[in-house]
């Protein structure tokens, strides 16, 4: 454990930030799983709704620096391909 006051504060701040990042990442993964389940079921309407939510969560995570912007772009591209393959 740190002895210096500023180092103690950094530990507390990092714990708070880590918890927030885990919450965002967990919520994003949940939406992605819901989207994948909708695609697997073959329900186009449900997949499109889940697509919107999943893309939004990925965008938020990328904007907050939780995932890299290129990783976010890759995920969104994969989602779009999945939805488009259902319609075509």
N, C-alpha and C. Protein backbone atom coordinates (compact mmCIF):
# COMPACT_ATOMS: atom_id res chain seq x y z
N UNK A 1 0.84 -1.19 0.00
CA UNK A 1 0.00 0.00 0.00
C UNK A 1 0.88 1.25 0.00
N UNK A 2 0.41 2.28 -0.71
CA UNK A 2 1.19 3.52 -0.74
C UNK A 2 1.10 4.26 0.59
N UNK A 3 2.15 4.99 0.88
CA UNK A 3 2.20 5.81 2.10
C UNK A 3 1.88 7.27 1.82
N UNK A 4 2.17 7.72 0.61
CA UNK A 4 2.01 9.13 0.26
C UNK A 4 0.54 9.40 -0.07
N UNK A 5 0.05 10.55 0.38
CA UNK A 5 -1.35 10.90 0.24
C UNK A 5 -1.82 10.88 -1.22
N UNK A 6 -1.04 11.46 -2.10
CA UNK A 6 -1.44 11.53 -3.51
C UNK A 6 -1.48 10.13 -4.14
N UNK A 7 -0.57 9.27 -3.71
CA UNK A 7 -0.57 7.89 -4.23
C UNK A 7 -1.78 7.13 -3.73
N UNK A 8 -2.19 7.39 -2.48
CA UNK A 8 -3.40 6.75 -1.94
C UNK A 8 -4.62 7.17 -2.74
N UNK A 9 -4.65 8.48 -3.07
CA UNK A 9 -5.78 9.00 -3.85
C UNK A 9 -5.81 8.36 -5.24
N UNK A 10 -4.66 8.20 -5.86
CA UNK A 10 -4.60 7.59 -7.19
C UNK A 10 -5.16 6.17 -7.15
N UNK A 11 -4.85 5.44 -6.09
CA UNK A 11 -5.36 4.06 -5.95
C UNK A 11 -6.89 4.09 -5.93
N UNK A 12 -7.46 5.02 -5.15
CA UNK A 12 -8.92 5.11 -5.05
C UNK A 12 -9.54 5.51 -6.39
N UNK A 13 -8.92 6.47 -7.06
CA UNK A 13 -9.45 6.95 -8.34
C UNK A 13 -9.40 5.83 -9.39
N UNK A 14 -8.30 5.11 -9.41
CA UNK A 14 -8.14 4.02 -10.38
C UNK A 14 -9.17 2.92 -10.13
N UNK A 15 -9.44 2.62 -8.85
CA UNK A 15 -10.46 1.62 -8.54
C UNK A 15 -11.82 2.04 -9.08
N UNK A 16 -12.15 3.31 -8.90
CA UNK A 16 -13.43 3.83 -9.38
C UNK A 16 -13.51 3.74 -10.90
N UNK A 17 -12.45 4.17 -11.57
CA UNK A 17 -12.43 4.14 -13.03
C UNK A 17 -12.49 2.71 -13.56
N UNK A 18 -11.79 1.79 -12.90
CA UNK A 18 -11.79 0.39 -13.31
C UNK A 18 -13.20 -0.18 -13.21
N UNK A 19 -13.90 0.13 -12.14
CA UNK A 19 -15.26 -0.35 -11.95
C UNK A 19 -16.18 0.18 -13.04
N UNK A 20 -16.05 1.47 -13.35
CA UNK A 20 -16.88 2.07 -14.40
C UNK A 20 -16.61 1.42 -15.75
N UNK A 21 -15.31 1.21 -16.06
CA UNK A 21 -14.94 0.59 -17.32
C UNK A 21 -15.50 -0.83 -17.41
N UNK A 22 -15.44 -1.58 -16.30
CA UNK A 22 -15.98 -2.94 -16.29
C UNK A 22 -17.49 -2.92 -16.54
N UNK A 23 -18.18 -1.93 -15.96
CA UNK A 23 -19.62 -1.83 -16.15
C UNK A 23 -19.95 -1.57 -17.62
N UNK A 24 -19.24 -0.63 -18.24
CA UNK A 24 -19.48 -0.32 -19.65
C UNK A 24 -19.19 -1.54 -20.53
N UNK A 25 -18.06 -2.19 -20.26
CA UNK A 25 -17.66 -3.33 -21.08
C UNK A 25 -18.64 -4.49 -20.93
N UNK A 26 -19.11 -4.71 -19.73
CA UNK A 26 -20.07 -5.78 -19.46
C UNK A 26 -21.39 -5.50 -20.19
N UNK A 27 -21.86 -4.25 -20.11
CA UNK A 27 -23.10 -3.88 -20.78
C UNK A 27 -22.96 -4.03 -22.29
N UNK A 28 -21.81 -3.66 -22.82
CA UNK A 28 -21.56 -3.80 -24.25
C UNK A 28 -21.60 -5.27 -24.66
N UNK A 29 -20.92 -6.13 -23.88
CA UNK A 29 -20.88 -7.55 -24.20
C UNK A 29 -22.28 -8.17 -24.14
N UNK A 30 -23.09 -7.71 -23.20
CA UNK A 30 -24.46 -8.21 -23.07
C UNK A 30 -25.26 -7.87 -24.31
N UNK A 31 -25.16 -6.63 -24.78
CA UNK A 31 -25.88 -6.23 -25.98
C UNK A 31 -25.41 -7.01 -27.21
N UNK A 32 -24.11 -7.27 -27.27
CA UNK A 32 -23.57 -8.04 -28.40
C UNK A 32 -24.13 -9.46 -28.36
N UNK A 33 -24.21 -10.05 -27.17
CA UNK A 33 -24.76 -11.40 -27.05
C UNK A 33 -26.23 -11.43 -27.44
N UNK A 34 -26.99 -10.39 -27.06
CA UNK A 34 -28.40 -10.31 -27.44
C UNK A 34 -28.54 -10.20 -28.96
N UNK A 35 -27.65 -9.40 -29.56
CA UNK A 35 -27.68 -9.25 -31.02
C UNK A 35 -27.39 -10.59 -31.70
N UNK A 36 -26.33 -11.27 -31.22
CA UNK A 36 -25.98 -12.57 -31.81
C UNK A 36 -27.11 -13.58 -31.65
N UNK A 37 -27.81 -13.54 -30.53
CA UNK A 37 -28.93 -14.45 -30.30
C UNK A 37 -30.06 -14.14 -31.27
N UNK A 38 -30.31 -12.86 -31.51
CA UNK A 38 -31.37 -12.45 -32.46
C UNK A 38 -31.02 -12.90 -33.87
N UNK A 39 -29.74 -12.79 -34.24
CA UNK A 39 -29.31 -13.23 -35.57
C UNK A 39 -29.46 -14.74 -35.70
N UNK A 40 -29.08 -15.47 -34.66
CA UNK A 40 -29.18 -16.94 -34.67
C UNK A 40 -30.63 -17.39 -34.80
N UNK A 41 -31.55 -16.65 -34.15
CA UNK A 41 -32.96 -17.04 -34.19
C UNK A 41 -33.58 -16.82 -35.57
N UNK A 42 -32.98 -15.92 -36.34
CA UNK A 42 -33.47 -15.66 -37.69
C UNK A 42 -34.56 -14.60 -37.75
N UNK A 43 -34.86 -13.96 -36.63
CA UNK A 43 -35.87 -12.92 -36.58
C UNK A 43 -35.25 -11.60 -37.04
N UNK A 44 -35.64 -11.15 -38.24
CA UNK A 44 -35.02 -9.97 -38.84
C UNK A 44 -35.33 -8.71 -38.04
N UNK A 45 -36.59 -8.54 -37.62
CA UNK A 45 -36.98 -7.33 -36.89
C UNK A 45 -36.24 -7.24 -35.55
N UNK A 46 -36.17 -8.34 -34.84
CA UNK A 46 -35.46 -8.35 -33.55
C UNK A 46 -33.98 -8.09 -33.76
N UNK A 47 -33.42 -8.65 -34.82
CA UNK A 47 -32.00 -8.47 -35.10
C UNK A 47 -31.70 -7.00 -35.41
N UNK A 48 -32.59 -6.34 -36.13
CA UNK A 48 -32.37 -4.93 -36.46
C UNK A 48 -32.43 -4.05 -35.22
N UNK A 49 -33.37 -4.35 -34.32
CA UNK A 49 -33.45 -3.59 -33.06
C UNK A 49 -32.20 -3.83 -32.21
N UNK A 50 -31.79 -5.08 -32.10
CA UNK A 50 -30.61 -5.42 -31.32
C UNK A 50 -29.36 -4.80 -31.95
N UNK A 51 -29.36 -4.72 -33.28
CA UNK A 51 -28.24 -4.11 -34.02
C UNK A 51 -28.04 -2.67 -33.59
N UNK A 52 -29.15 -1.92 -33.53
CA UNK A 52 -29.07 -0.50 -33.14
C UNK A 52 -28.48 -0.35 -31.74
N UNK A 53 -28.96 -1.17 -30.81
CA UNK A 53 -28.47 -1.08 -29.44
C UNK A 53 -27.01 -1.50 -29.33
N UNK A 54 -26.64 -2.56 -30.03
CA UNK A 54 -25.26 -3.05 -29.97
C UNK A 54 -24.29 -2.02 -30.54
N UNK A 55 -24.65 -1.43 -31.67
CA UNK A 55 -23.78 -0.42 -32.29
C UNK A 55 -23.63 0.79 -31.36
N UNK A 56 -24.72 1.17 -30.71
CA UNK A 56 -24.66 2.31 -29.80
C UNK A 56 -23.71 2.02 -28.64
N UNK A 57 -23.82 0.83 -28.06
CA UNK A 57 -22.95 0.46 -26.94
C UNK A 57 -21.49 0.43 -27.36
N UNK A 58 -21.23 -0.09 -28.55
CA UNK A 58 -19.85 -0.17 -29.05
C UNK A 58 -19.30 1.24 -29.27
N UNK A 59 -20.14 2.13 -29.82
CA UNK A 59 -19.71 3.52 -30.04
C UNK A 59 -19.38 4.22 -28.72
N UNK A 60 -20.21 4.01 -27.72
CA UNK A 60 -19.98 4.63 -26.41
C UNK A 60 -18.67 4.10 -25.81
N UNK A 61 -18.47 2.80 -25.90
CA UNK A 61 -17.25 2.20 -25.36
C UNK A 61 -16.01 2.75 -26.07
N UNK A 62 -16.11 2.93 -27.39
CA UNK A 62 -14.97 3.46 -28.14
C UNK A 62 -14.72 4.92 -27.78
N UNK A 63 -15.78 5.68 -27.60
CA UNK A 63 -15.61 7.10 -27.29
C UNK A 63 -15.01 7.30 -25.90
N UNK A 64 -15.27 6.37 -25.00
CA UNK A 64 -14.73 6.47 -23.65
C UNK A 64 -13.37 5.80 -23.51
N UNK A 65 -12.88 5.23 -24.61
CA UNK A 65 -11.55 4.62 -24.58
C UNK A 65 -11.52 3.23 -23.98
N UNK A 66 -12.66 2.60 -23.83
CA UNK A 66 -12.72 1.27 -23.24
C UNK A 66 -12.26 0.22 -24.26
N UNK A 67 -12.64 0.44 -25.51
CA UNK A 67 -12.10 -0.39 -26.60
C UNK A 67 -11.51 0.55 -27.64
N UNK A 68 -10.61 0.03 -28.45
CA UNK A 68 -9.95 0.84 -29.48
C UNK A 68 -10.95 1.17 -30.58
N UNK A 69 -10.78 2.34 -31.21
CA UNK A 69 -11.74 2.76 -32.23
C UNK A 69 -11.75 1.82 -33.43
N UNK A 70 -10.60 1.22 -33.77
CA UNK A 70 -10.58 0.27 -34.88
C UNK A 70 -11.29 -1.02 -34.52
N UNK A 71 -11.18 -1.43 -33.26
CA UNK A 71 -11.91 -2.62 -32.80
C UNK A 71 -13.41 -2.35 -32.86
N UNK A 72 -13.81 -1.15 -32.50
CA UNK A 72 -15.23 -0.78 -32.57
C UNK A 72 -15.71 -0.81 -34.02
N UNK A 73 -14.92 -0.26 -34.92
CA UNK A 73 -15.28 -0.25 -36.33
C UNK A 73 -15.40 -1.67 -36.87
N UNK A 74 -14.49 -2.54 -36.45
CA UNK A 74 -14.51 -3.93 -36.89
C UNK A 74 -15.78 -4.64 -36.40
N UNK A 75 -16.11 -4.42 -35.14
CA UNK A 75 -17.31 -5.05 -34.57
C UNK A 75 -18.57 -4.57 -35.29
N UNK A 76 -18.66 -3.26 -35.53
CA UNK A 76 -19.84 -2.71 -36.20
C UNK A 76 -19.95 -3.26 -37.62
N UNK A 77 -18.82 -3.43 -38.28
CA UNK A 77 -18.81 -4.00 -39.63
C UNK A 77 -19.34 -5.44 -39.61
N UNK A 78 -18.90 -6.20 -38.60
CA UNK A 78 -19.37 -7.58 -38.47
C UNK A 78 -20.87 -7.63 -38.22
N UNK A 79 -21.37 -6.71 -37.38
CA UNK A 79 -22.80 -6.66 -37.10
C UNK A 79 -23.58 -6.35 -38.37
N UNK A 80 -23.08 -5.37 -39.13
CA UNK A 80 -23.76 -4.95 -40.35
C UNK A 80 -23.81 -6.10 -41.36
N UNK A 81 -22.69 -6.80 -41.50
CA UNK A 81 -22.66 -7.97 -42.40
C UNK A 81 -23.69 -9.01 -41.99
N UNK A 82 -23.78 -9.26 -40.69
CA UNK A 82 -24.72 -10.27 -40.19
C UNK A 82 -26.16 -9.87 -40.50
N UNK A 83 -26.50 -8.61 -40.27
CA UNK A 83 -27.87 -8.15 -40.51
C UNK A 83 -28.17 -8.18 -42.01
N UNK A 84 -27.23 -7.72 -42.82
CA UNK A 84 -27.44 -7.69 -44.27
C UNK A 84 -27.56 -9.10 -44.85
N UNK A 85 -26.85 -10.04 -44.30
CA UNK A 85 -26.93 -11.42 -44.82
C UNK A 85 -28.29 -12.04 -44.50
N UNK A 86 -28.94 -11.56 -43.43
CA UNK A 86 -30.27 -12.06 -43.09
C UNK A 86 -31.30 -11.58 -44.10
N UNK A 87 -31.14 -10.34 -44.56
CA UNK A 87 -32.12 -9.74 -45.45
C UNK A 87 -31.95 -10.23 -46.89
N UNK A 88 -30.71 -10.49 -47.27
CA UNK A 88 -30.42 -10.85 -48.65
C UNK A 88 -30.49 -12.27 -48.87
